[in-house]
């Protein structure tokens, strides 16, 4: 890997799953709290598989604990549902690679907001955080419109393969883009913003926790 001095150096590394396996193999009593936590998370995951409603409840509770309002949480949960509906369509239409999902998502965002998700995150000063968790109501609404429109176009045209789905993504995002521009013209205010939905203190705390 490339070190801070720019030189390539050999080093031990592991992904998240690998780190969890390492923790499980540590015989020290000091690792017991982590092992208990892993067991608890695993048990909760099994519960959610058996009863998906539990996952929704836990997600709502997590957002509530972070300081989001009930109205915002409702929109965010709806946006998750719309996103899942779209990705399910893509899965059944020949989209398999993770990079292809990212490209299609970027096309929707560019058409809807004029920026890709990575550019949008820079505008908001985000790094690894989830962009939509930092959107305000209108940003979420236009995100949902772009993806819902893409889903509708995809189904009606029975798009297949990457190229056809890319065209549908651009057109679906354009539906939201047209609506956004019209609102911006009539309201005199830009939708894309560097501001965060949460009050500044809560945003800083949330970003700090997510970066740990």
Protein backbone atom coordinates (compact mmCIF):
# COMPACT_ATOMS: atom_id res chain seq x y z
CA UNK A 1 0.00 0.00 0.00
CA UNK A 2 1.02 3.62 -0.46
CA UNK A 3 2.31 5.08 2.80
CA UNK A 4 2.13 8.74 3.87
CA UNK A 5 5.61 9.32 2.42
CA UNK A 6 4.35 8.17 -0.99
CA UNK A 7 6.35 4.93 -1.01
CA UNK A 8 4.85 1.47 -1.43
CA UNK A 9 5.11 -0.67 1.70
CA UNK A 10 3.93 -4.16 2.65
CA UNK A 11 1.49 -4.22 5.54
CA UNK A 12 -1.13 -6.46 7.11
CA UNK A 13 -4.69 -5.46 6.31
CA UNK A 14 -8.24 -6.78 6.52
CA UNK A 15 -11.71 -5.78 5.42
CA UNK A 16 -14.56 -5.34 7.91
CA UNK A 17 -15.58 -8.99 7.81
CA UNK A 18 -11.98 -10.05 8.29
CA UNK A 19 -11.59 -7.78 11.31
CA UNK A 20 -14.67 -9.30 12.91
CA UNK A 21 -13.23 -12.80 12.38
CA UNK A 22 -9.97 -11.68 13.99
CA UNK A 23 -11.87 -10.33 17.01
CA UNK A 24 -13.72 -13.64 17.34
CA UNK A 25 -10.42 -15.55 17.42
CA UNK A 26 -8.77 -13.45 20.14
CA UNK A 27 -8.61 -15.51 23.39
CA UNK A 28 -8.08 -12.49 25.67
CA UNK A 29 -10.91 -11.59 28.11
CA UNK A 30 -10.53 -8.02 26.88
CA UNK A 31 -12.11 -9.09 23.59
CA UNK A 32 -15.24 -10.40 25.30
CA UNK A 33 -17.22 -7.12 25.12
CA UNK A 34 -16.64 -7.03 21.35
CA UNK A 35 -17.62 -10.68 20.99
CA UNK A 36 -20.83 -10.08 22.94
CA UNK A 37 -21.58 -7.09 20.74
CA UNK A 38 -21.03 -9.17 17.58
CA UNK A 39 -23.32 -11.88 18.95
CA UNK A 40 -26.00 -9.27 19.73
CA UNK A 41 -25.76 -7.72 16.26
CA UNK A 42 -25.90 -11.17 14.66
CA UNK A 43 -28.97 -12.08 16.68
CA UNK A 44 -30.68 -8.83 15.73
CA UNK A 45 -29.90 -9.46 12.07
CA UNK A 46 -31.54 -12.91 12.28
CA UNK A 47 -34.58 -11.29 13.91
CA UNK A 48 -34.79 -8.79 11.04
CA UNK A 49 -34.62 -11.56 8.43
CA UNK A 50 -37.51 -13.31 10.15
CA UNK A 51 -39.43 -10.07 10.68
CA UNK A 52 -38.32 -7.25 8.30
CA UNK A 53 -40.51 -4.76 10.17
CA UNK A 54 -37.98 -4.85 13.02
CA UNK A 55 -35.28 -3.46 10.71
CA UNK A 56 -37.54 -0.54 9.83
CA UNK A 57 -38.29 0.17 13.49
CA UNK A 58 -34.60 0.09 14.39
CA UNK A 59 -33.74 2.44 11.53
CA UNK A 60 -36.42 4.89 12.64
CA UNK A 61 -35.17 4.73 16.23
CA UNK A 62 -31.59 5.35 15.10
CA UNK A 63 -32.55 8.45 13.11
CA UNK A 64 -34.66 9.70 16.02
CA UNK A 65 -31.70 9.30 18.39
CA UNK A 66 -29.54 11.35 16.01
CA UNK A 67 -31.96 14.25 16.24
CA UNK A 68 -34.01 13.99 13.05
CA UNK A 69 -37.67 15.04 13.11
CA UNK A 70 -40.51 12.58 12.57
CA UNK A 71 -41.43 14.29 9.28
CA UNK A 72 -37.89 13.98 7.96
CA UNK A 73 -37.68 10.35 9.05
CA UNK A 74 -40.88 9.56 7.12
CA UNK A 75 -39.38 11.04 3.96
CA UNK A 76 -36.06 9.25 4.49
CA UNK A 77 -37.77 5.89 5.01
CA UNK A 78 -39.82 6.46 1.87
CA UNK A 79 -36.67 7.36 -0.06
CA UNK A 80 -35.06 4.09 1.07
CA UNK A 81 -38.09 2.16 -0.18
CA UNK A 82 -38.04 3.94 -3.56
CA UNK A 83 -34.31 3.32 -3.89
CA UNK A 84 -34.72 -0.40 -3.15
CA UNK A 85 -37.53 -0.62 -5.70
CA UNK A 86 -35.26 0.89 -8.35
CA UNK A 87 -32.25 -1.30 -7.57
CA UNK A 88 -34.49 -4.39 -7.66
CA UNK A 89 -35.53 -3.37 -11.18
CA UNK A 90 -31.89 -2.94 -12.18
CA UNK A 91 -31.00 -6.37 -10.79
CA UNK A 92 -33.63 -7.99 -12.96
CA UNK A 93 -32.49 -6.09 -16.04
CA UNK A 94 -28.87 -7.13 -16.31
CA UNK A 95 -27.20 -4.70 -13.91
CA UNK A 96 -24.83 -6.79 -11.79
CA UNK A 97 -21.64 -4.83 -11.09
CA UNK A 98 -21.42 -2.41 -8.17
CA UNK A 99 -19.73 0.19 -10.40
CA UNK A 100 -22.68 0.07 -12.80
CA UNK A 101 -25.10 0.88 -9.98
CA UNK A 102 -22.85 3.80 -9.03
CA UNK A 103 -22.76 5.09 -12.62
CA UNK A 104 -26.54 4.86 -13.04
CA UNK A 105 -27.08 6.61 -9.71
CA UNK A 106 -24.65 9.35 -10.76
CA UNK A 107 -26.58 9.86 -14.01
CA UNK A 108 -29.84 10.33 -12.11
CA UNK A 109 -28.17 12.79 -9.74
CA UNK A 110 -26.53 14.79 -12.55
CA UNK A 111 -29.83 15.11 -14.37
CA UNK A 112 -31.78 15.93 -11.21
CA UNK A 113 -29.33 18.24 -9.39
CA UNK A 114 -26.60 19.08 -11.89
CA UNK A 115 -23.96 17.30 -9.80
CA UNK A 116 -22.91 13.70 -9.14
CA UNK A 117 -23.25 12.25 -5.61
CA UNK A 118 -19.49 12.64 -5.02
CA UNK A 119 -19.65 16.30 -6.10
CA UNK A 120 -22.73 16.79 -3.94
CA UNK A 121 -20.89 15.40 -0.91
CA UNK A 122 -18.06 17.88 -1.47
CA UNK A 123 -20.58 20.73 -1.56
CA UNK A 124 -21.87 19.59 1.84
CA UNK A 125 -18.39 18.95 3.22
CA UNK A 126 -18.98 15.22 3.62
CA UNK A 127 -16.52 12.36 3.27
CA UNK A 128 -17.71 8.84 4.00
CA UNK A 129 -21.09 9.85 5.37
CA UNK A 130 -24.33 8.95 3.62
CA UNK A 131 -25.32 11.92 1.44
CA UNK A 132 -29.07 11.47 1.85
CA UNK A 133 -28.78 11.46 5.63
CA UNK A 134 -27.60 15.06 5.27
CA UNK A 135 -30.23 16.28 2.80
CA UNK A 136 -33.08 18.60 3.70
CA UNK A 137 -36.73 17.89 2.83
CA UNK A 138 -36.67 19.28 -0.71
CA UNK A 139 -33.39 17.57 -1.58
CA UNK A 140 -34.88 14.26 -0.47
CA UNK A 141 -38.10 14.89 -2.40
CA UNK A 142 -36.28 15.57 -5.67
CA UNK A 143 -34.03 12.53 -5.09
CA UNK A 144 -37.14 10.39 -4.70
CA UNK A 145 -38.76 11.92 -7.78
CA UNK A 146 -35.71 11.19 -9.93
CA UNK A 147 -35.50 7.57 -8.83
CA UNK A 148 -39.26 6.95 -8.92
CA UNK A 149 -39.42 8.41 -12.45
CA UNK A 150 -36.50 6.20 -13.50
CA UNK A 151 -38.27 3.13 -12.13
CA UNK A 152 -41.44 4.01 -14.05
CA UNK A 153 -39.57 4.58 -17.33
CA UNK A 154 -37.54 1.41 -16.82
CA UNK A 155 -40.66 -0.70 -16.35
CA UNK A 156 -42.71 0.84 -19.14
CA UNK A 157 -39.89 0.45 -21.66
CA UNK A 158 -38.77 -2.92 -20.31
CA UNK A 159 -35.18 -1.71 -20.47
CA UNK A 160 -32.46 -4.35 -20.61
CA UNK A 161 -28.72 -4.05 -20.13
CA UNK A 162 -26.54 -1.15 -19.07
CA UNK A 163 -26.99 1.21 -22.04
CA UNK A 164 -30.80 1.14 -22.03
CA UNK A 165 -30.90 1.57 -18.26
CA UNK A 166 -28.46 4.45 -18.48
CA UNK A 167 -30.75 6.29 -20.91
CA UNK A 168 -33.70 5.65 -18.59
CA UNK A 169 -31.69 6.94 -15.63
CA UNK A 170 -30.85 10.18 -17.44
CA UNK A 171 -34.46 10.70 -18.49
CA UNK A 172 -35.82 9.84 -15.04
CA UNK A 173 -33.39 12.23 -13.39
CA UNK A 174 -34.36 14.90 -15.92
CA UNK A 175 -37.96 14.73 -14.70
CA UNK A 176 -36.74 15.77 -11.25
CA UNK A 177 -34.28 18.24 -12.77
CA UNK A 178 -37.01 20.06 -14.68
CA UNK A 179 -39.19 20.27 -11.56
CA UNK A 180 -36.23 21.48 -9.49
CA UNK A 181 -35.35 24.25 -11.96
CA UNK A 182 -38.95 25.42 -12.11
CA UNK A 183 -39.13 25.62 -8.33
CA UNK A 184 -35.81 27.45 -8.17
CA UNK A 185 -37.07 29.98 -10.74
CA UNK A 186 -40.31 30.63 -8.89
CA UNK A 187 -38.87 30.59 -5.37
CA UNK A 188 -35.62 32.37 -6.18
CA UNK A 189 -33.69 29.88 -4.07
CA UNK A 190 -31.32 27.07 -5.07
CA UNK A 191 -32.19 23.52 -4.00
CA UNK A 192 -28.64 22.16 -3.94
CA UNK A 193 -27.11 23.49 -0.77
CA UNK A 194 -24.06 23.08 1.42
CA UNK A 195 -26.34 23.31 4.43
CA UNK A 196 -27.30 20.27 6.45
CA UNK A 197 -30.77 19.29 7.62
CA UNK A 198 -29.70 18.97 11.26
CA UNK A 199 -28.73 21.98 13.38
CA UNK A 200 -24.97 22.71 13.20
CA UNK A 201 -24.13 21.24 16.63
CA UNK A 202 -25.92 17.97 15.85
CA UNK A 203 -24.26 17.81 12.40
CA UNK A 204 -20.78 18.22 13.87
CA UNK A 205 -21.48 15.55 16.48
CA UNK A 206 -22.94 13.19 13.86
CA UNK A 207 -19.99 13.68 11.50
CA UNK A 208 -17.56 13.13 14.38
CA UNK A 209 -19.26 9.87 15.38
CA UNK A 210 -19.42 8.62 11.79
CA UNK A 211 -15.73 9.32 11.22
CA UNK A 212 -14.64 7.21 14.21
